[in-house]
Amino acid sequence: MSVEVRIAPHIHPPKVETFDLEDMTNVDPKGIVRAVDHFEVHPFGLYLARQVVGHHRIAYLKSWLLPELGLRITDYDLHASATPDCDLYLDLVSITSEQNRWTTVDHYLDLLVWTGRGVTVVDSDELLAALAADLLDTGSAQLAMENTHRAVEGIAANGYDVFRWLSTVGIDIH
């Protein structure tokens, strides 16, 4: 029996973002340089806040990069007319830092969290397509899956409250 893995038409290499604390910038996966209003380095990771210019739904974002958990947690402030897709958006990523520069490499999977109500894993099709296209190595894919399971289990065990779960693993991001 053979299993066919179809490549998603929108498959892309892993998205890479950089965060330069000295220049106060965030370079997105397309190479667009965006000004960052605020960075804070903590023992558990990096916090950043910046305006989102030109987006039809999102006005402002706050993100926490958490290397030990392989997560980027983002909380969006929306324009008044926009309807939220979720309360928090979690990207499964690898995170490295050296001096004043942090880098994330996206591992395709994302979690949509509705505080107190639920969590949904999305983009598993992208992860499988990236593996099939040799855009992601199996070690990174396995780590993304392990980090996804840990996050979903922790969030669910804490009443679908990301911040409560993080406090149980020693991370206080309030």
N, C-alpha and C. Protein backbone atom coordinates (compact mmCIF):
# COMPACT_ATOMS: atom_id res chain seq x y z
N MET A 1 0.85 -1.18 0.00
CA MET A 1 0.00 0.00 0.00
C MET A 1 0.89 1.23 0.00
N SER A 2 0.62 2.17 -0.88
CA SER A 2 1.40 3.40 -0.89
C SER A 2 0.49 4.57 -0.53
N VAL A 3 1.10 5.52 0.11
CA VAL A 3 0.38 6.72 0.52
C VAL A 3 0.92 7.87 -0.29
N GLU A 4 0.03 8.62 -0.88
CA GLU A 4 0.43 9.76 -1.69
C GLU A 4 0.34 11.03 -0.84
N VAL A 5 1.42 11.77 -0.82
CA VAL A 5 1.42 13.06 -0.15
C VAL A 5 1.40 14.12 -1.23
N ARG A 6 0.33 14.88 -1.26
CA ARG A 6 0.22 15.94 -2.25
C ARG A 6 0.86 17.21 -1.71
N ILE A 7 1.61 17.86 -2.56
CA ILE A 7 2.27 19.11 -2.18
C ILE A 7 1.23 20.22 -2.27
N ALA A 8 1.06 20.91 -1.14
CA ALA A 8 0.14 22.05 -1.13
C ALA A 8 0.65 23.08 -2.13
N PRO A 9 -0.24 23.65 -2.92
CA PRO A 9 0.20 24.61 -3.95
C PRO A 9 0.87 25.85 -3.36
N HIS A 10 0.60 26.14 -2.11
CA HIS A 10 1.17 27.32 -1.47
C HIS A 10 2.40 27.00 -0.63
N ILE A 11 2.98 25.82 -0.83
CA ILE A 11 4.13 25.42 0.00
C ILE A 11 5.31 26.34 -0.28
N HIS A 12 6.04 26.61 0.77
CA HIS A 12 7.14 27.56 0.72
C HIS A 12 8.24 27.09 1.66
N PRO A 13 9.45 27.54 1.46
CA PRO A 13 10.51 27.23 2.42
C PRO A 13 10.14 27.81 3.79
N PRO A 14 10.74 27.31 4.85
CA PRO A 14 10.43 27.86 6.18
C PRO A 14 10.65 29.37 6.21
N LYS A 15 9.71 30.06 6.83
CA LYS A 15 9.80 31.52 6.93
C LYS A 15 10.78 31.88 8.04
N VAL A 16 11.67 32.80 7.72
CA VAL A 16 12.69 33.24 8.66
C VAL A 16 12.44 34.71 8.99
N GLU A 17 12.47 35.04 10.29
CA GLU A 17 12.33 36.43 10.73
C GLU A 17 13.49 36.76 11.64
N THR A 18 13.93 38.01 11.58
CA THR A 18 14.97 38.46 12.49
C THR A 18 14.46 39.66 13.29
N PHE A 19 15.00 39.76 14.48
CA PHE A 19 14.65 40.83 15.41
C PHE A 19 15.95 41.43 15.91
N ASP A 20 16.20 42.67 15.53
CA ASP A 20 17.45 43.35 15.87
C ASP A 20 17.18 44.35 16.99
N LEU A 21 17.65 44.01 18.18
CA LEU A 21 17.39 44.83 19.36
C LEU A 21 18.13 46.15 19.33
N GLU A 22 19.26 46.18 18.67
CA GLU A 22 20.04 47.42 18.58
C GLU A 22 19.40 48.41 17.60
N ASP A 23 18.99 47.90 16.44
CA ASP A 23 18.37 48.76 15.42
C ASP A 23 16.87 48.96 15.66
N MET A 24 16.30 48.20 16.62
CA MET A 24 14.86 48.26 16.93
C MET A 24 14.03 47.93 15.69
N THR A 25 14.40 46.81 15.03
CA THR A 25 13.71 46.39 13.82
C THR A 25 13.34 44.92 13.85
N ASN A 26 12.37 44.59 13.01
CA ASN A 26 11.92 43.22 12.75
C ASN A 26 11.93 43.08 11.24
N VAL A 27 12.71 42.12 10.73
CA VAL A 27 12.74 41.86 9.30
C VAL A 27 11.88 40.63 9.05
N ASP A 28 10.80 40.82 8.29
CA ASP A 28 9.86 39.72 8.07
C ASP A 28 10.38 38.76 7.00
N PRO A 29 9.68 37.64 6.77
CA PRO A 29 10.16 36.64 5.81
C PRO A 29 10.33 37.16 4.38
N LYS A 30 9.68 38.26 4.03
CA LYS A 30 9.80 38.83 2.68
C LYS A 30 10.91 39.88 2.61
N GLY A 31 11.61 40.08 3.74
CA GLY A 31 12.70 41.06 3.77
C GLY A 31 12.27 42.47 4.10
N ILE A 32 11.01 42.64 4.46
CA ILE A 32 10.51 43.97 4.81
C ILE A 32 10.95 44.32 6.23
N VAL A 33 11.57 45.47 6.36
CA VAL A 33 12.06 45.93 7.66
C VAL A 33 10.97 46.76 8.33
N ARG A 34 10.62 46.37 9.55
CA ARG A 34 9.57 47.06 10.29
C ARG A 34 10.14 47.58 11.61
N ALA A 35 9.75 48.79 11.98
CA ALA A 35 10.20 49.38 13.24
C ALA A 35 9.50 48.67 14.40
N VAL A 36 10.25 48.41 15.46
CA VAL A 36 9.71 47.81 16.67
C VAL A 36 9.67 48.90 17.74
N ASP A 37 8.53 49.00 18.41
CA ASP A 37 8.36 50.00 19.46
C ASP A 37 9.07 49.62 20.75
N HIS A 38 9.09 48.30 21.03
CA HIS A 38 9.58 47.88 22.33
C HIS A 38 10.11 46.45 22.28
N PHE A 39 11.29 46.24 22.83
CA PHE A 39 11.85 44.91 23.07
C PHE A 39 12.13 44.78 24.55
N GLU A 40 11.94 43.60 25.10
CA GLU A 40 12.36 43.27 26.47
C GLU A 40 12.95 41.87 26.44
N VAL A 41 14.16 41.73 26.94
CA VAL A 41 14.79 40.42 27.06
C VAL A 41 14.52 39.90 28.47
N HIS A 42 14.07 38.65 28.55
CA HIS A 42 13.79 37.98 29.81
C HIS A 42 14.57 36.67 29.84
N PRO A 43 14.73 36.08 31.03
CA PRO A 43 15.42 34.78 31.08
C PRO A 43 14.74 33.71 30.20
N PHE A 44 13.44 33.81 30.02
CA PHE A 44 12.70 32.82 29.23
C PHE A 44 12.59 33.16 27.76
N GLY A 45 12.96 34.41 27.36
CA GLY A 45 12.83 34.75 25.95
C GLY A 45 12.78 36.24 25.69
N LEU A 46 12.14 36.60 24.60
CA LEU A 46 12.09 37.97 24.13
C LEU A 46 10.65 38.42 23.94
N TYR A 47 10.35 39.62 24.41
CA TYR A 47 9.05 40.26 24.17
C TYR A 47 9.26 41.39 23.18
N LEU A 48 8.31 41.56 22.26
CA LEU A 48 8.37 42.68 21.34
C LEU A 48 6.98 43.20 21.07
N ALA A 49 6.90 44.47 20.74
CA ALA A 49 5.63 45.10 20.40
C ALA A 49 5.88 46.07 19.25
N ARG A 50 4.98 46.03 18.27
CA ARG A 50 5.13 46.93 17.12
C ARG A 50 3.80 47.16 16.44
N GLN A 51 3.73 48.29 15.74
CA GLN A 51 2.58 48.59 14.92
C GLN A 51 2.59 47.70 13.68
N VAL A 52 1.42 47.46 13.15
CA VAL A 52 1.27 46.74 11.89
C VAL A 52 0.70 47.73 10.89
N VAL A 53 1.50 48.09 9.92
CA VAL A 53 1.11 49.11 8.95
C VAL A 53 0.57 48.44 7.69
N GLY A 54 -0.57 48.93 7.23
CA GLY A 54 -1.10 48.46 5.95
C GLY A 54 -1.86 47.15 5.99
N HIS A 55 -2.13 46.61 7.16
CA HIS A 55 -2.88 45.36 7.24
C HIS A 55 -4.36 45.67 7.42
N HIS A 56 -5.20 44.97 6.73
CA HIS A 56 -6.64 45.26 6.76
C HIS A 56 -7.31 44.88 8.08
N ARG A 57 -6.73 43.98 8.85
CA ARG A 57 -7.35 43.54 10.11
C ARG A 57 -6.54 43.90 11.35
N ILE A 58 -5.21 43.79 11.25
CA ILE A 58 -4.36 43.90 12.43
C ILE A 58 -3.76 45.29 12.52
N ALA A 59 -3.86 45.91 13.70
CA ALA A 59 -3.33 47.25 13.92
C ALA A 59 -2.03 47.22 14.71
N TYR A 60 -1.90 46.27 15.64
CA TYR A 60 -0.74 46.23 16.53
C TYR A 60 -0.53 44.79 16.96
N LEU A 61 0.74 44.42 17.20
CA LEU A 61 1.00 43.08 17.70
C LEU A 61 1.98 43.10 18.84
N LYS A 62 1.79 42.13 19.72
CA LYS A 62 2.71 41.88 20.84
C LYS A 62 3.07 40.41 20.76
N SER A 63 4.37 40.11 20.77
CA SER A 63 4.82 38.72 20.65
C SER A 63 5.84 38.39 21.72
N TRP A 64 5.82 37.12 22.10
CA TRP A 64 6.81 36.57 23.02
C TRP A 64 7.50 35.42 22.31
N LEU A 65 8.81 35.48 22.19
CA LEU A 65 9.60 34.39 21.63
C LEU A 65 10.10 33.54 22.79
N LEU A 66 9.73 32.26 22.80
CA LEU A 66 10.05 31.37 23.90
C LEU A 66 10.88 30.19 23.39
N PRO A 67 12.21 30.33 23.37
CA PRO A 67 13.06 29.30 22.77
C PRO A 67 12.90 27.90 23.36
N GLU A 68 12.80 27.79 24.68
CA GLU A 68 12.70 26.45 25.30
C GLU A 68 11.46 25.70 24.86
N LEU A 69 10.38 26.43 24.57
CA LEU A 69 9.13 25.80 24.18
C LEU A 69 8.96 25.75 22.66
N GLY A 70 9.85 26.40 21.92
CA GLY A 70 9.73 26.44 20.47
C GLY A 70 8.49 27.16 20.01
N LEU A 71 8.15 28.26 20.71
CA LEU A 71 6.92 28.97 20.42
C LEU A 71 7.15 30.46 20.23
N ARG A 72 6.35 31.03 19.35
CA ARG A 72 6.17 32.47 19.27
C ARG A 72 4.68 32.71 19.53
N ILE A 73 4.40 33.36 20.63
CA ILE A 73 3.02 33.66 21.00
C ILE A 73 2.72 35.09 20.60
N THR A 74 1.63 35.27 19.84
CA THR A 74 1.29 36.61 19.38
C THR A 74 -0.14 36.96 19.77
N ASP A 75 -0.26 38.17 20.29
CA ASP A 75 -1.54 38.76 20.64
C ASP A 75 -1.73 39.97 19.74
N TYR A 76 -2.82 39.98 18.97
CA TYR A 76 -3.06 41.05 18.02
C TYR A 76 -4.11 42.03 18.54
N ASP A 77 -3.88 43.32 18.32
CA ASP A 77 -4.92 44.33 18.48
C ASP A 77 -5.47 44.56 17.08
N LEU A 78 -6.77 44.43 16.94
CA LEU A 78 -7.39 44.53 15.62
C LEU A 78 -7.98 45.92 15.39
N HIS A 79 -8.17 46.25 14.12
CA HIS A 79 -8.91 47.46 13.77
C HIS A 79 -10.35 47.27 14.24
N ALA A 80 -11.03 48.36 14.52
CA ALA A 80 -12.38 48.32 15.09
C ALA A 80 -13.35 47.46 14.28
N SER A 81 -13.21 47.43 12.97
CA SER A 81 -14.16 46.69 12.12
C SER A 81 -13.82 45.19 11.98
N ALA A 82 -12.66 44.76 12.49
CA ALA A 82 -12.22 43.38 12.29
C ALA A 82 -12.78 42.44 13.35
N THR A 83 -13.00 41.20 12.94
CA THR A 83 -13.47 40.15 13.83
C THR A 83 -12.29 39.23 14.14
N PRO A 84 -12.06 38.90 15.41
CA PRO A 84 -10.92 38.05 15.75
C PRO A 84 -11.10 36.60 15.28
N ASP A 85 -9.98 36.00 14.82
CA ASP A 85 -9.95 34.58 14.47
C ASP A 85 -9.71 33.73 15.71
N CYS A 86 -9.04 34.33 16.70
CA CYS A 86 -8.68 33.65 17.93
C CYS A 86 -8.21 34.70 18.93
N ASP A 87 -7.97 34.27 20.15
CA ASP A 87 -7.45 35.20 21.16
C ASP A 87 -5.93 35.32 21.09
N LEU A 88 -5.27 34.18 20.89
CA LEU A 88 -3.81 34.15 20.76
C LEU A 88 -3.43 33.24 19.60
N TYR A 89 -2.35 33.61 18.92
CA TYR A 89 -1.85 32.84 17.78
C TYR A 89 -0.45 32.36 18.15
N LEU A 90 -0.24 31.05 18.11
CA LEU A 90 1.05 30.48 18.48
C LEU A 90 1.69 29.83 17.26
N ASP A 91 2.89 30.30 16.91
CA ASP A 91 3.67 29.70 15.83
C ASP A 91 4.65 28.71 16.44
N LEU A 92 4.81 27.56 15.81
CA LEU A 92 5.84 26.60 16.20
C LEU A 92 7.09 26.98 15.43
N VAL A 93 8.15 27.32 16.15
CA VAL A 93 9.36 27.87 15.54
C VAL A 93 10.60 27.36 16.27
N SER A 94 11.73 27.47 15.59
CA SER A 94 13.01 27.37 16.30
C SER A 94 13.49 28.81 16.48
N ILE A 95 14.14 29.04 17.61
CA ILE A 95 14.57 30.40 17.96
C ILE A 95 16.03 30.37 18.35
N THR A 96 16.80 31.25 17.75
CA THR A 96 18.21 31.41 18.15
C THR A 96 18.45 32.88 18.48
N SER A 97 19.41 33.10 19.33
CA SER A 97 19.79 34.48 19.65
C SER A 97 21.29 34.55 19.80
N GLU A 98 21.82 35.66 19.33
CA GLU A 98 23.23 35.96 19.53
C GLU A 98 23.36 37.47 19.67
N GLN A 99 23.93 37.86 20.76
CA GLN A 99 24.06 39.28 21.10
C GLN A 99 22.73 39.98 21.00
N ASN A 100 22.57 40.92 20.11
CA ASN A 100 21.35 41.72 20.02
C ASN A 100 20.45 41.32 18.85
N ARG A 101 20.59 40.10 18.38
CA ARG A 101 19.82 39.65 17.22
C ARG A 101 19.18 38.29 17.51
N TRP A 102 17.88 38.23 17.35
CA TRP A 102 17.14 36.99 17.52
C TRP A 102 16.59 36.58 16.16
N THR A 103 16.52 35.27 15.92
CA THR A 103 16.02 34.74 14.65
C THR A 103 15.02 33.63 14.92
N THR A 104 13.91 33.64 14.18
CA THR A 104 12.96 32.53 14.24
C THR A 104 12.90 31.87 12.87
N VAL A 105 12.75 30.55 12.89
CA VAL A 105 12.52 29.77 11.68
C VAL A 105 11.20 29.03 11.90
N ASP A 106 10.24 29.31 11.04
CA ASP A 106 8.90 28.74 11.17
C ASP A 106 8.92 27.25 10.86
N HIS A 107 8.21 26.49 11.68
CA HIS A 107 8.07 25.05 11.46
C HIS A 107 6.65 24.69 11.04
N TYR A 108 5.98 25.63 10.40
CA TYR A 108 4.71 25.43 9.70
C TYR A 108 3.47 25.30 10.59
N LEU A 109 3.54 24.55 11.68
CA LEU A 109 2.37 24.34 12.52
C LEU A 109 2.04 25.59 13.32
N ASP A 110 0.75 25.83 13.51
CA ASP A 110 0.29 26.97 14.31
C ASP A 110 -0.84 26.50 15.22
N LEU A 111 -1.00 27.21 16.33
CA LEU A 111 -2.10 26.94 17.26
C LEU A 111 -2.95 28.18 17.37
N LEU A 112 -4.26 28.02 17.24
CA LEU A 112 -5.21 29.09 17.45
C LEU A 112 -5.87 28.83 18.80
N VAL A 113 -5.77 29.79 19.71
CA VAL A 113 -6.28 29.58 21.06
C VAL A 113 -7.41 30.57 21.35
N TRP A 114 -8.51 30.04 21.81
CA TRP A 114 -9.63 30.82 22.32
C TRP A 114 -9.62 30.61 23.82
N THR A 115 -9.20 31.62 24.56
CA THR A 115 -9.01 31.51 26.01
C THR A 115 -10.29 31.00 26.68
N GLY A 116 -10.11 29.94 27.46
CA GLY A 116 -11.23 29.34 28.19
C GLY A 116 -12.11 28.45 27.36
N ARG A 117 -11.86 28.37 26.05
CA ARG A 117 -12.76 27.61 25.17
C ARG A 117 -12.11 26.51 24.36
N GLY A 118 -10.89 26.71 23.87
CA GLY A 118 -10.31 25.66 23.06
C GLY A 118 -9.04 26.07 22.35
N VAL A 119 -8.42 25.08 21.70
CA VAL A 119 -7.21 25.28 20.91
C VAL A 119 -7.32 24.40 19.67
N THR A 120 -6.88 24.93 18.54
CA THR A 120 -6.90 24.21 17.27
C THR A 120 -5.52 24.23 16.65
N VAL A 121 -5.07 23.08 16.18
CA VAL A 121 -3.80 22.97 15.46
C VAL A 121 -4.11 23.13 13.97
N VAL A 122 -3.38 24.03 13.30
CA VAL A 122 -3.60 24.25 11.87
C VAL A 122 -2.27 24.10 11.11
N ASP A 123 -2.41 23.90 9.82
CA ASP A 123 -1.31 23.84 8.86
C ASP A 123 -0.48 22.57 8.92
N SER A 124 -1.08 21.47 9.40
CA SER A 124 -0.36 20.19 9.35
C SER A 124 -0.11 19.78 7.91
N ASP A 125 -0.99 20.20 6.99
CA ASP A 125 -0.78 19.91 5.57
C ASP A 125 0.50 20.57 5.07
N GLU A 126 0.76 21.78 5.55
CA GLU A 126 1.98 22.49 5.15
C GLU A 126 3.23 21.77 5.69
N LEU A 127 3.15 21.30 6.94
CA LEU A 127 4.28 20.57 7.52
C LEU A 127 4.59 19.32 6.69
N LEU A 128 3.57 18.55 6.36
CA LEU A 128 3.78 17.33 5.58
C LEU A 128 4.28 17.64 4.18
N ALA A 129 3.75 18.67 3.57
CA ALA A 129 4.19 19.06 2.23
C ALA A 129 5.65 19.52 2.26
N ALA A 130 6.02 20.26 3.29
CA ALA A 130 7.41 20.72 3.42
C ALA A 130 8.36 19.54 3.60
N LEU A 131 7.93 18.55 4.37
CA LEU A 131 8.75 17.33 4.53
C LEU A 131 8.91 16.62 3.19
N ALA A 132 7.81 16.44 2.48
CA ALA A 132 7.83 15.74 1.19
C ALA A 132 8.69 16.47 0.17
N ALA A 133 8.74 17.79 0.26
CA ALA A 133 9.52 18.60 -0.68
C ALA A 133 10.94 18.85 -0.19
N ASP A 134 11.33 18.21 0.90
CA ASP A 134 12.66 18.39 1.50
C ASP A 134 12.95 19.84 1.86
N LEU A 135 11.91 20.57 2.27
CA LEU A 135 12.10 21.95 2.73
C LEU A 135 12.31 22.00 4.24
N LEU A 136 11.98 20.90 4.92
CA LEU A 136 12.14 20.79 6.37
C LEU A 136 12.69 19.42 6.67
N ASP A 137 13.69 19.36 7.54
CA ASP A 137 14.28 18.07 7.89
C ASP A 137 13.41 17.35 8.93
N THR A 138 13.56 16.06 9.02
CA THR A 138 12.71 15.26 9.91
C THR A 138 12.93 15.62 11.39
N GLY A 139 14.13 15.98 11.76
CA GLY A 139 14.38 16.37 13.15
C GLY A 139 13.60 17.62 13.53
N SER A 140 13.57 18.61 12.65
CA SER A 140 12.80 19.83 12.92
C SER A 140 11.31 19.54 12.95
N ALA A 141 10.85 18.67 12.04
CA ALA A 141 9.43 18.32 12.01
C ALA A 141 9.03 17.59 13.29
N GLN A 142 9.89 16.68 13.73
CA GLN A 142 9.59 15.95 14.97
C GLN A 142 9.55 16.90 16.16
N LEU A 143 10.50 17.81 16.23
CA LEU A 143 10.52 18.78 17.32
C LEU A 143 9.26 19.65 17.29
N ALA A 144 8.83 20.06 16.10
CA ALA A 144 7.60 20.84 15.98
C ALA A 144 6.40 20.05 16.49
N MET A 145 6.33 18.78 16.16
CA MET A 145 5.23 17.94 16.64
C MET A 145 5.28 17.78 18.16
N GLU A 146 6.46 17.53 18.69
CA GLU A 146 6.61 17.37 20.14
C GLU A 146 6.22 18.66 20.87
N ASN A 147 6.67 19.79 20.35
CA ASN A 147 6.34 21.08 20.96
C ASN A 147 4.84 21.37 20.84
N THR A 148 4.25 20.97 19.73
CA THR A 148 2.80 21.14 19.55
C THR A 148 2.03 20.33 20.59
N HIS A 149 2.40 19.06 20.74
CA HIS A 149 1.71 18.21 21.72
C HIS A 149 1.86 18.75 23.13
N ARG A 150 3.06 19.16 23.49
CA ARG A 150 3.29 19.71 24.83
C ARG A 150 2.44 20.95 25.05
N ALA A 151 2.40 21.84 24.07
CA ALA A 151 1.62 23.07 24.22
C ALA A 151 0.13 22.78 24.31
N VAL A 152 -0.39 21.95 23.41
CA VAL A 152 -1.82 21.64 23.43
C VAL A 152 -2.22 20.98 24.74
N GLU A 153 -1.43 20.01 25.18
CA GLU A 153 -1.73 19.34 26.45
C GLU A 153 -1.68 20.31 27.62
N GLY A 154 -0.67 21.17 27.66
CA GLY A 154 -0.54 22.14 28.74
C GLY A 154 -1.64 23.17 28.75
N ILE A 155 -1.98 23.67 27.57
CA ILE A 155 -3.04 24.67 27.46
C ILE A 155 -4.39 24.06 27.86
N ALA A 156 -4.68 22.86 27.37
CA ALA A 156 -5.94 22.19 27.70
C ALA A 156 -6.03 21.89 29.19
N ALA A 157 -4.93 21.42 29.78
CA ALA A 157 -4.92 21.08 31.21
C ALA A 157 -5.09 22.30 32.11
N ASN A 158 -4.91 23.48 31.54
CA ASN A 158 -5.03 24.73 32.31
C ASN A 158 -6.21 25.57 31.84
N GLY A 159 -7.28 24.89 31.49
CA GLY A 159 -8.52 25.58 31.13
C GLY A 159 -8.43 26.40 29.87
N TYR A 160 -7.59 25.99 28.94
CA TYR A 160 -7.37 26.71 27.69
C TYR A 160 -6.91 28.14 27.93
N ASP A 161 -6.03 28.28 28.92
CA ASP A 161 -5.45 29.57 29.28
C ASP A 161 -3.94 29.47 29.09
N VAL A 162 -3.44 30.09 28.03
CA VAL A 162 -2.01 30.01 27.69
C VAL A 162 -1.16 30.57 28.82
N PHE A 163 -1.56 31.71 29.37
CA PHE A 163 -0.75 32.35 30.41
C PHE A 163 -0.71 31.51 31.68
N ARG A 164 -1.82 30.87 32.03
CA ARG A 164 -1.83 29.98 33.20
C ARG A 164 -0.90 28.80 32.96
N TRP A 165 -0.96 28.20 31.76
CA TRP A 165 -0.07 27.09 31.45
C TRP A 165 1.39 27.53 31.56
N LEU A 166 1.72 28.67 30.96
CA LEU A 166 3.10 29.14 31.00
C LEU A 166 3.58 29.34 32.43
N SER A 167 2.72 29.82 33.32
CA SER A 167 3.13 30.00 34.71
C SER A 167 3.46 28.67 35.38
N THR A 168 2.83 27.57 34.92
CA THR A 168 3.14 26.27 35.51
C THR A 168 4.51 25.74 35.07
N VAL A 169 5.06 26.30 34.00
CA VAL A 169 6.40 25.90 33.56
C VAL A 169 7.43 27.00 33.84
N GLY A 170 7.07 27.93 34.73
CA GLY A 170 8.02 28.95 35.20
C GLY A 170 8.15 30.17 34.32
N ILE A 171 7.19 30.40 33.45
CA ILE A 171 7.24 31.56 32.56
C ILE A 171 6.09 32.50 32.89
N ASP A 172 6.41 33.69 33.36
CA ASP A 172 5.38 34.68 33.66
C ASP A 172 5.55 35.83 32.67
N ILE A 173 4.64 35.90 31.70
CA ILE A 173 4.79 36.93 30.66
C ILE A 173 3.81 38.09 30.82
N HIS A 174 3.20 38.21 31.97
CA HIS A 174 2.31 39.36 32.20
C HIS A 174 3.13 40.58 32.52
